[in-house]
Structure formats: structure tokens, C-alpha cells
Protein backbone atom coordinates (compact mmCIF):
# COMPACT_ATOMS: atom_id res chain seq x y z
CA MET A 1 -0.07 0.06 -0.12
CA THR A 2 2.84 2.46 0.96
CA CYS A 3 4.62 1.71 -2.50
CA LYS A 4 1.18 2.37 -4.32
CA ARG A 5 0.92 5.80 -2.49
CA ALA A 6 4.43 6.78 -3.49
CA ILE A 7 3.86 6.18 -7.10
CA ARG A 8 0.60 8.08 -6.92
CA ALA A 9 2.20 11.04 -5.29
CA SER A 10 5.04 10.92 -7.66
CA LEU A 11 2.72 10.82 -10.78
CA PHE A 12 0.87 13.78 -9.41
CA LEU A 13 4.20 15.73 -8.94
CA LEU A 14 5.28 14.73 -12.56
CA LEU A 15 1.93 16.13 -13.97
CA THR A 16 2.30 19.29 -12.06
CA ALA A 17 5.80 19.82 -13.40
CA PHE A 18 4.89 18.78 -16.92
CA LEU A 19 2.04 21.49 -16.96
CA ALA A 20 4.49 24.17 -15.77
CA VAL A 21 7.26 23.14 -18.36
CA ARG A 22 4.65 23.14 -21.10
CA VAL A 23 3.48 26.67 -20.29
CA PHE A 24 7.18 27.91 -20.34
CA PHE A 25 7.94 26.26 -23.85
CA ALA A 26 4.67 27.42 -25.25
CA ALA A 27 5.48 31.02 -24.31
CA ARG A 28 9.01 30.65 -25.69
CA ALA A 29 7.56 29.20 -29.00
CA ALA A 30 5.46 32.27 -29.36
CA GLY A 31 8.53 34.58 -29.16
CA MET A 32 7.86 35.79 -25.57
CA GLY A 33 10.44 33.64 -23.59
CA GLY A 34 11.36 35.18 -20.42
CA ALA A 35 9.41 38.39 -21.34
CA LEU A 36 6.19 36.73 -20.28
CA ALA A 37 7.29 36.71 -16.75
CA ALA A 38 8.65 40.23 -16.88
CA GLU A 39 5.42 41.78 -18.21
CA SER A 40 3.14 39.89 -15.81
CA PRO A 41 2.43 41.40 -12.43
CA SER A 42 4.56 39.78 -9.68
CA PRO A 43 2.37 37.19 -7.75
CA LEU A 44 1.61 37.47 -4.08
CA PRO A 45 4.77 36.26 -2.07
CA GLY A 46 4.17 32.62 -1.00
CA MET A 47 1.43 31.83 -3.39
CA PRO A 48 2.16 28.70 -5.38
CA PRO A 49 3.25 29.37 -8.89
CA VAL A 50 0.44 29.47 -11.33
CA LEU A 51 0.80 26.39 -13.82
CA ASP A 52 -0.76 27.98 -16.83
CA PRO A 53 -1.27 31.82 -17.37
CA ASN A 54 -4.28 31.15 -19.49
CA ASP A 55 -5.95 28.84 -17.07
CA ILE A 56 -5.94 29.17 -13.35
CA TYR A 57 -7.91 26.17 -12.92
CA ALA A 58 -5.24 24.07 -14.66
CA ALA A 59 -4.73 22.03 -11.61
CA ASP A 60 -8.37 21.20 -11.29
CA ARG A 61 -8.67 18.62 -14.07
CA PRO A 62 -10.71 15.33 -13.71
CA GLY A 63 -9.15 12.81 -11.24
CA MET A 64 -6.05 15.13 -10.47
CA LEU A 65 -6.47 14.59 -6.71
CA GLY A 66 -3.26 15.47 -4.79
CA PRO A 67 -1.55 13.21 -2.25
CA VAL A 68 -3.33 14.76 0.74
CA VAL A 69 -6.84 13.87 -0.45
CA LYS A 70 -6.45 10.92 -2.89
CA ASP A 71 -7.69 8.44 -0.16
CA PHE A 72 -10.44 10.48 1.14
CA PRO A 73 -13.81 8.83 0.63
CA ALA A 74 -15.99 10.85 -2.00
CA ARG A 75 -18.85 12.68 0.12
CA ILE A 76 -21.21 15.28 -0.23
CA TYR A 77 -21.48 17.61 3.01
CA VAL A 78 -24.59 19.52 3.42
CA PRO A 79 -25.00 22.14 6.10
CA ASN A 80 -28.84 22.71 7.06
CA THR A 81 -29.16 26.28 8.13
CA VAL A 82 -32.60 25.96 9.88
CA SER A 83 -32.20 22.22 11.16
CA ASP A 84 -28.62 23.35 12.50
CA THR A 85 -27.29 19.89 11.38
CA VAL A 86 -25.07 18.48 8.64
CA ASP A 87 -26.03 15.55 6.29
CA VAL A 88 -23.40 13.34 4.65
CA ILE A 89 -24.27 11.91 1.24
CA ASP A 90 -22.42 8.93 -0.42
CA PRO A 91 -22.44 10.19 -4.16
CA ALA A 92 -22.18 6.64 -5.40
CA THR A 93 -25.64 5.60 -3.82
CA PHE A 94 -27.35 9.08 -3.62
CA LYS A 95 -27.94 8.16 0.00
CA VAL A 96 -27.65 10.12 3.22
CA ILE A 97 -25.11 7.94 5.28
CA ASN A 98 -24.48 10.23 8.21
CA HIS A 99 -26.19 12.94 10.10
CA PHE A 100 -25.02 15.02 13.04
CA ASP A 101 -25.71 18.32 15.07
CA VAL A 102 -23.59 21.29 14.74
CA GLY A 103 -24.01 25.04 15.94
CA ARG A 104 -26.73 27.41 15.03
CA GLN A 105 -27.33 28.29 11.32
CA PRO A 106 -24.48 26.39 9.68
CA GLN A 107 -24.06 28.30 6.47
CA HIS A 108 -20.97 26.66 4.49
CA VAL A 109 -18.70 23.69 4.60
CA THR A 110 -15.28 25.09 3.71
CA PRO A 111 -12.18 23.11 2.88
CA SER A 112 -8.94 24.30 4.59
CA TYR A 113 -6.06 25.70 2.48
CA ASP A 114 -3.98 22.58 3.28
CA LEU A 115 -6.99 20.36 2.13
CA LYS A 116 -6.70 18.39 5.39
CA THR A 117 -9.92 19.71 7.25
CA LEU A 118 -13.33 20.64 6.54
CA TRP A 119 -14.97 23.44 8.63
CA VAL A 120 -18.73 23.79 9.20
CA LEU A 121 -19.44 27.54 9.66
CA ASN A 122 -21.95 28.05 12.33
CA ASP A 123 -22.82 31.63 11.85
CA LEU A 124 -25.18 32.50 14.77
CA SER A 125 -23.19 30.40 17.22
CA SER A 126 -19.84 32.08 16.40
CA SER A 127 -18.29 28.74 15.81
CA LEU A 128 -16.64 26.37 13.54
CA THR A 129 -17.06 22.65 13.76
CA ARG A 130 -14.25 20.49 12.25
CA ILE A 131 -14.90 17.47 10.00
CA ASP A 132 -12.17 14.88 9.22
CA PRO A 133 -12.52 14.21 5.61
CA ALA A 134 -10.46 11.01 6.03
CA THR A 135 -13.58 9.50 7.94
CA GLY A 136 -16.38 12.00 7.35
CA LYS A 137 -16.68 12.28 11.24
CA LYS A 138 -17.43 15.41 13.26
CA GLY A 139 -14.68 16.64 15.42
CA GLU A 140 -14.06 19.68 17.69
CA THR A 141 -15.93 22.97 17.72
CA ILE A 142 -13.91 26.34 18.18
CA HIS A 143 -15.03 29.95 18.74
CA VAL A 144 -14.72 32.13 15.70
CA LEU A 145 -16.74 35.31 15.62
CA ASP A 146 -19.73 35.67 13.03
CA PRO A 147 -18.41 33.18 10.32
CA TYR A 148 -20.98 33.58 7.64
CA ASN A 149 -18.43 32.51 4.94
CA MET A 150 -14.70 31.74 5.15
CA TYR A 151 -11.82 31.95 2.42
CA TYR A 152 -8.01 31.51 2.39
CA THR A 153 -5.43 33.95 1.17
CA PRO A 154 -3.40 32.45 -1.83
CA ASP A 155 -0.34 32.22 0.11
CA GLY A 156 -2.01 29.96 2.89
CA LYS A 157 -1.02 32.50 5.54
CA TYR A 158 -4.60 33.66 6.66
CA ALA A 159 -8.22 32.33 6.63
CA ILE A 160 -10.51 35.39 5.87
CA VAL A 161 -13.62 34.91 7.91
CA VAL A 162 -16.44 36.85 6.21
CA ALA A 163 -18.21 38.40 9.27
CA GLU A 164 -21.31 39.59 7.48
CA ALA A 165 -23.33 40.94 10.46
CA LYS A 166 -20.16 42.80 11.80
CA GLN A 167 -19.34 44.40 8.37
CA ARG A 168 -16.00 43.00 8.59
CA LEU A 169 -13.44 40.81 6.96
CA ASP A 170 -11.45 39.13 9.77
CA PHE A 171 -7.97 37.95 9.15
CA LEU A 172 -7.12 34.66 11.16
CA SER A 173 -3.87 32.82 11.27
CA ALA A 174 -4.53 29.86 9.13
CA GLN A 175 -2.35 27.66 11.53
CA THR A 176 -4.01 28.77 14.86
CA MET A 177 -7.31 30.13 13.93
CA LYS A 178 -6.74 32.99 16.08
CA LEU A 179 -7.75 36.64 14.94
CA GLU A 180 -4.82 38.79 13.70
CA HIS A 181 -6.56 41.75 11.93
CA ALA A 182 -10.21 42.84 11.71
CA LEU A 183 -10.85 44.93 8.51
CA ASP A 184 -13.81 47.13 8.77
CA VAL A 185 -15.69 47.23 5.22
CA PRO A 186 -17.52 50.29 4.02
CA CYS A 187 -20.70 48.18 2.77
CA ARG A 188 -23.55 46.00 4.14
CA GLY A 189 -23.79 42.23 3.54
CA VAL A 190 -20.28 41.20 2.54
CA ASP A 191 -20.51 37.66 1.77
CA HIS A 192 -18.64 36.06 -1.36
CA MET A 193 -15.30 36.69 -2.96
CA ASP A 194 -12.61 35.53 -5.41
CA PHE A 195 -8.89 36.39 -5.82
CA SER A 196 -7.01 37.79 -8.82
CA ALA A 197 -4.79 35.27 -10.85
CA ASP A 198 -1.74 36.79 -9.14
CA GLY A 199 -3.25 36.69 -5.61
CA ARG A 200 -2.63 40.31 -5.14
CA TYR A 201 -6.15 41.38 -4.52
CA LEU A 202 -9.63 40.00 -4.00
CA ILE A 203 -13.17 41.12 -5.17
CA ALA A 204 -15.91 40.80 -2.67
CA SER A 205 -19.69 41.18 -3.04
CA CYS A 206 -21.83 43.31 -0.68
CA GLU A 207 -25.39 41.96 -0.92
CA PHE A 208 -27.14 44.46 0.94
CA SER A 209 -25.33 47.62 -0.42
CA GLY A 210 -25.38 46.50 -4.06
CA SER A 211 -21.70 47.00 -4.46
CA MET A 212 -18.32 45.23 -4.99
CA LEU A 213 -15.24 45.57 -2.94
CA LYS A 214 -11.41 45.46 -4.06
CA VAL A 215 -9.19 44.43 -1.07
CA ASP A 216 -5.26 44.36 -1.12
CA VAL A 217 -4.58 40.87 0.33
CA ALA A 218 -1.05 41.71 1.41
CA ALA A 219 -1.81 45.11 2.90
CA GLN A 220 -5.17 43.85 4.22
CA LYS A 221 -6.92 47.18 3.26
CA VAL A 222 -9.74 48.23 0.99
CA MET A 223 -8.60 49.56 -2.35
CA GLY A 224 -12.05 50.69 -3.68
CA GLU A 225 -15.87 50.13 -3.96
CA LEU A 226 -17.87 49.63 -7.17
CA LYS A 227 -21.57 50.35 -7.18
CA LEU A 228 -23.34 48.10 -9.40
CA PRO A 229 -26.05 49.30 -11.77
CA ARG A 230 -29.49 49.31 -10.43
CA GLU A 231 -31.29 46.38 -12.17
CA GLY A 232 -34.33 44.21 -11.28
CA GLY A 233 -36.18 44.97 -8.28
CA LEU A 234 -37.73 43.29 -5.04
CA LYS A 235 -40.46 42.12 -7.14
CA ASP A 236 -38.08 39.58 -8.69
CA ALA A 237 -37.04 38.08 -5.44
CA HIS A 238 -38.17 34.69 -4.09
CA HIS A 239 -40.90 35.20 -1.42
CA HIS A 240 -38.61 33.59 1.31
CA VAL A 241 -36.05 36.37 0.98
CA ASN A 242 -38.38 39.33 0.53
CA ALA A 243 -38.58 39.91 4.28
CA ILE A 244 -34.81 39.82 4.55
CA TYR A 245 -34.44 42.59 1.87
CA ALA A 246 -36.97 44.76 3.56
CA ARG A 247 -35.28 44.21 6.87
CA GLU A 248 -31.79 45.37 5.32
CA GLY A 249 -33.35 48.42 3.65
CA VAL A 250 -32.45 47.22 0.18
CA ALA A 251 -33.80 50.19 -2.14
CA PRO A 252 -36.06 49.09 -5.12
CA GLY A 253 -33.98 48.22 -8.15
CA GLN A 254 -30.80 47.84 -6.25
CA GLY A 255 -28.51 44.91 -7.16
CA MET A 256 -28.06 42.03 -4.87
CA PRO A 257 -24.62 40.49 -5.83
CA GLN A 258 -23.87 36.97 -4.61
CA ASP A 259 -21.27 34.61 -5.66
CA VAL A 260 -17.96 35.71 -7.46
CA LYS A 261 -15.87 33.72 -9.91
CA LEU A 262 -12.74 34.64 -11.99
CA SER A 263 -12.56 33.42 -15.55
CA PRO A 264 -9.87 30.89 -16.23
CA ASP A 265 -7.63 33.54 -18.05
CA GLY A 266 -7.90 35.71 -14.91
CA LYS A 267 -9.39 38.67 -17.04
CA VAL A 268 -13.08 38.88 -15.80
CA PHE A 269 -14.67 38.48 -12.47
CA TYR A 270 -18.26 37.11 -12.95
CA VAL A 271 -20.74 38.23 -10.05
CA ALA A 272 -24.22 36.64 -9.82
CA ASP A 273 -26.74 39.19 -9.15
CA MET A 274 -29.98 37.63 -7.86
CA MET A 275 -31.92 40.85 -8.56
CA ALA A 276 -30.71 41.50 -11.83
CA ASN A 277 -31.10 37.84 -12.84
CA GLY A 278 -27.68 37.52 -14.59
CA LEU A 279 -23.97 37.98 -14.31
CA TYR A 280 -21.97 41.39 -14.15
CA GLU A 281 -18.54 41.17 -15.85
CA ILE A 282 -15.93 43.11 -13.90
CA ASP A 283 -12.53 44.08 -14.82
CA GLY A 284 -10.83 43.65 -11.45
CA ASP A 285 -7.60 45.60 -12.15
CA ALA A 286 -9.70 48.62 -13.28
CA LEU A 287 -12.63 47.95 -10.80
CA LYS A 288 -15.32 48.67 -13.40
CA VAL A 289 -18.18 46.82 -14.91
CA ILE A 290 -17.51 45.61 -18.60
CA GLY A 291 -20.60 43.80 -19.35
CA PHE A 292 -23.75 41.88 -18.26
CA VAL A 293 -25.05 38.46 -19.30
CA PRO A 294 -28.69 37.62 -18.50
CA THR A 295 -29.01 34.03 -17.10
CA GLY A 296 -32.22 33.54 -15.02
CA LYS A 297 -34.32 34.53 -12.12
CA GLY A 298 -32.35 34.63 -8.77
CA ALA A 299 -28.75 33.94 -10.34
CA HIS A 300 -26.79 32.86 -7.41
CA GLY A 301 -23.93 30.21 -7.26
CA LEU A 302 -21.02 29.88 -9.68
CA TYR A 303 -19.01 26.60 -10.52
CA ALA A 304 -16.38 26.15 -13.36
CA SER A 305 -16.32 22.87 -15.25
CA ARG A 306 -13.40 20.66 -14.89
CA ASP A 307 -12.17 21.44 -18.40
CA SER A 308 -12.44 25.15 -17.63
CA ARG A 309 -14.56 25.70 -20.82
CA VAL A 310 -18.09 26.62 -19.21
CA LEU A 311 -19.38 28.09 -15.99
CA TYR A 312 -22.41 26.63 -14.19
CA ILE A 313 -24.79 29.14 -12.82
CA SER A 314 -27.69 28.33 -10.35
CA ASN A 315 -30.81 30.42 -10.78
CA ARG A 316 -32.41 29.96 -7.46
CA GLY A 317 -35.45 31.91 -8.24
CA GLU A 318 -36.69 29.80 -11.20
CA GLY A 319 -35.14 26.31 -10.72
CA SER A 320 -32.65 26.25 -13.38
CA ILE A 321 -28.98 26.05 -14.19
CA SER A 322 -27.49 28.30 -17.00
CA ILE A 323 -24.16 27.37 -18.75
CA LEU A 324 -21.93 30.17 -19.83
CA ASP A 325 -19.06 29.55 -22.29
CA PHE A 326 -16.17 31.28 -21.03
CA ALA A 327 -14.52 31.75 -24.49
CA GLN A 328 -17.84 33.32 -25.98
CA ARG A 329 -18.81 35.12 -22.63
CA ARG A 330 -22.35 34.15 -23.24
CA VAL A 331 -24.94 31.49 -22.15
CA VAL A 332 -25.06 28.62 -24.45
CA ALA A 333 -27.52 26.24 -22.57
CA LYS A 334 -30.19 26.17 -19.62
CA TRP A 335 -31.17 23.12 -17.68
CA GLU A 336 -34.40 23.04 -15.92
CA ILE A 337 -34.97 20.92 -12.83
CA PRO A 338 -38.03 18.84 -13.43
CA GLY A 339 -40.77 20.10 -11.02
CA GLY A 340 -38.93 23.08 -10.12
CA GLY A 341 -36.61 23.75 -7.22
CA SER A 342 -34.22 26.27 -5.55
CA PRO A 343 -30.77 25.42 -6.47
CA ASP A 344 -28.20 27.36 -4.48
CA MET A 345 -24.67 26.44 -3.55
CA GLY A 346 -22.64 23.44 -4.40
CA GLY A 347 -19.67 22.08 -6.38
CA VAL A 348 -18.61 19.67 -9.12
CA SER A 349 -17.56 16.12 -8.62
CA ALA A 350 -13.99 15.15 -8.89
CA ASP A 351 -14.46 13.46 -12.33
CA GLY A 352 -16.44 16.46 -13.57
CA LYS A 353 -19.46 14.55 -14.42
CA VAL A 354 -22.02 15.44 -11.77
CA LEU A 355 -22.97 18.93 -10.61
CA TRP A 356 -24.06 18.96 -7.05
CA LEU A 357 -26.28 21.80 -5.61
CA SER A 358 -28.39 22.40 -2.52
CA GLY A 359 -32.11 23.12 -2.88
CA ARG A 360 -32.35 25.83 -0.52
CA TYR A 361 -35.96 26.26 0.05
CA HIS A 362 -37.02 22.52 -0.81
CA ARG A 363 -35.00 20.57 1.73
CA GLU A 364 -33.18 18.62 -0.91
CA VAL A 365 -30.10 18.26 -2.78
CA TYR A 366 -29.77 18.02 -6.56
CA ALA A 367 -27.27 15.73 -8.51
CA ILE A 368 -27.28 16.95 -12.22
CA ASP A 369 -25.41 15.20 -15.15
CA THR A 370 -22.87 17.71 -16.60
CA THR A 371 -23.22 16.25 -19.92
CA ASP A 372 -26.84 16.90 -20.71
CA GLY A 373 -28.39 18.45 -17.68
CA LYS A 374 -30.42 15.52 -16.66
CA LEU A 375 -31.38 15.23 -12.96
CA LEU A 376 -29.76 12.25 -11.65
CA ALA A 377 -31.20 12.37 -8.12
CA ARG A 378 -33.11 14.77 -5.61
CA ILE A 379 -32.00 13.76 -2.18
CA LYS A 380 -34.04 14.81 0.98
CA VAL A 381 -31.96 16.51 3.68
CA GLY A 382 -32.59 18.90 6.46
CA LYS A 383 -34.33 22.25 6.31
CA GLY A 384 -32.67 25.15 4.69
CA PRO A 385 -29.69 23.32 2.95
CA HIS A 386 -27.23 25.91 1.86
CA GLY A 387 -23.40 25.84 1.02
CA LEU A 388 -22.60 22.20 0.46
CA CYS A 389 -19.32 20.85 -0.18
CA VAL A 390 -18.17 18.15 -2.65
CA TYR A 391 -15.16 16.56 -1.32
CA PRO A 392 -12.25 15.64 -2.18
CA GLN A 393 -11.87 17.71 -5.32
CA PRO A 394 -8.73 18.16 -7.61
CA GLY A 395 -6.42 21.04 -6.94
CA ARG A 396 -3.20 21.92 -5.14
CA TYR A 397 -4.78 24.18 -2.40
CA SER A 398 -8.09 25.66 -1.37
CA LEU A 399 -9.10 29.28 -1.34
CA GLY A 400 -12.21 28.45 0.71
CA HIS A 401 -15.98 28.92 0.38
CA THR A 402 -17.42 25.57 -0.68
CA GLY A 403 -14.39 24.79 -2.58
CA ILE A 404 -12.43 27.07 -4.74
CA PHE A 405 -9.20 25.28 -5.83
CA ARG A 406 -6.15 26.11 -7.91
């Protein structure tokens, strides 16, 4: 068994090295040579090198499980925000095989930067519950203030706790999970983010302000705020969330940005806006809107395919999934969930064949065939399933949320 593990680890490292060498010679053949590195912004110190400048997801190909996770059992971890529980699904049988209590209002299940731990983010209990992905079992619970969401800096130094209610981004030591710096933000409802290809900055959505933030990762300071165009309106919201919008004082016609995802080439940040019913395209360097792509009512979660060709968009308000072609920057297909549903957050299976999404207002989870959009299963879980995590997944390290890997 030890020999087999050593061989697998060696093959993984060889494949990673091959991709890096291929990029170098491709650039040289194009006449750029060393100029490619000279012209590109220097990456965040300590961040693993980008394998392919044209594809930040090059390490996420089907089956490319790293040495740390290759022996972990494939599982779907579902946090139920109303039931205060986690359901564990075996994707091979589409059955719930484990169930345990956690803290109040668990929002997301987040893989650690080093891929060794899963954290359940218990928002209203101000705590994180550890899951051992080697066994799928619940572990210790630690105190962390207001963890609505959580990400990791690309150098692996900090966990960024998205303290939505506190209007802060809390930088915790990724090793000790102790607070090192609390960054107050000038907007309401900060909740999702993604990082630039060089790791130097992040773009975060502010749900209740209808705006986006740009944050310097190394300096841990706000660089700017971008107000999104006023699109849609409260009339487009799902009836379950209208009360929340009214409580937060969201103005009629104001945007409600949700998930954020960087394009493979690192040039466009896609932002799902559930009030505008589509995706804003943002130039992160310039911090400006450069386009808009209609997708469907209640656009919410964003997930790249294993081949980096398309982006899956969950349209929570209409029970559908739109497919955006990254190269064409337009929607090329839409899959309807039979009988309707409320697809929210999730991820793609390690082999790229199944898209897993929580059904936020239907107490269920959807397994969708990525070749044709066929619904493979709808699995009953607890009440209010939200940021489910598909694990393990390919990738060298995790940037957090329900699984952003590079």
C-alpha cells in the first residue's frame, strides 16, 4: 500500500511539473520567452506558482487528486441552516449515510487551505465545527466570531472570515485560527469573493449595498468600492427572501450580488446578481463593469467545469442552471430542474461528471449530469440546505468557500 501511495504522489508531482514546463515552452515558441514573466504582475509572495497563465484552474482537471486527499472517501457535506445539522451523502448511492448536529445556522462547509480539514461555519453560534474528511466524522468545535463565510489567502497564511453581520473581513492565522486583523468594510452584507490570478487582490460582493469591494491581500486594506447598476427589483425576489431585503433596507431596483468567480484566463470576474437575474462582468484591475449576461431569475452560485470551458450558474428563483461559455462570454444552454426547485450553492464532482447543488427552500440536494443536464437524483436532507461541499476535489490548495481550488 505504501508503495502504491508513493507512486501516486510521484505521478501527481510529475503531472504538475509537466504543465509548468509546457507553459514555459509554449511562451518561448510564441517569441515571448522570459518576457512573459517580466510583463506579468509579480504574484503574491508565498503563493504557489500559476501552472498556466491562460487557465488558473489547470490543476483542477478530472481525477487530479493530490497526495493529501487521494484516499479520502467521496462525500457530499450538506449544512442545513434551519435544522442546525449536517447531512453526509454518499455520491455513489445518492443516499444520506451520516447526520450530526452542529451550531446554530451552519451556512457553508469550507475546505482548509492545506486540504486536510473541512470546517462547518456556524454563523449564529460564532463557531466552526471540524470535520475529518478522511473519515467524514465530526470533530471539535472552536470559537470564531460571526463566520457567515470563509476564504483563505492564496499564500496560505490567513483564513478570511466573512463576518457579514459585523461588516468585517477578519484575518485569522490559518495555523491557529486566532484573529490577527479585523478589517472594517464600507458596505453591508459582504458575503462572497474570489482572488485575482496573481493573488494580489480579492473582489468581494456586498449583498445589501449592491456593490463590490476590492481588497489588497498583502496590506489587508480596502482599495475601492464599485456600485453595481440598478437592475431588477424586489418584485423579482423569491418570497422567502423578500422579508430579509425589506429588513436590510434594500432600495427598489438595487442589485443583490452573490457569488463571485474569476474566468480561467484571469481577465473577468463574474458576479451573480439575484436581482438583476444574471452576471455582471467586472474588470478587477480597473474595478469597473465591462458587461452583463442575463442567465435566469435569482442568479446565485457559480462553478467552473473541470475542463475550464464553461461556468455553471444556479438560478435559485426559477429552478434552473445556466451554462456560460467562457470563451464566448455568453449563455449557451439552460437546464430546468423537473418540477422546479431552488438550486443554491454546491460544487462539481472530482471526475467532472456531476454538478451538486443544494435546494435551499425545498429541503433537498440535486445531482445533475454535466453532459446533458439530466437530474440524476434529488435527495431529501434537513431544512434550509445551503453551502454544500463536494469533497475531495482536484487542486493543489483551497481558497475556501465551498471549494475554490487552484
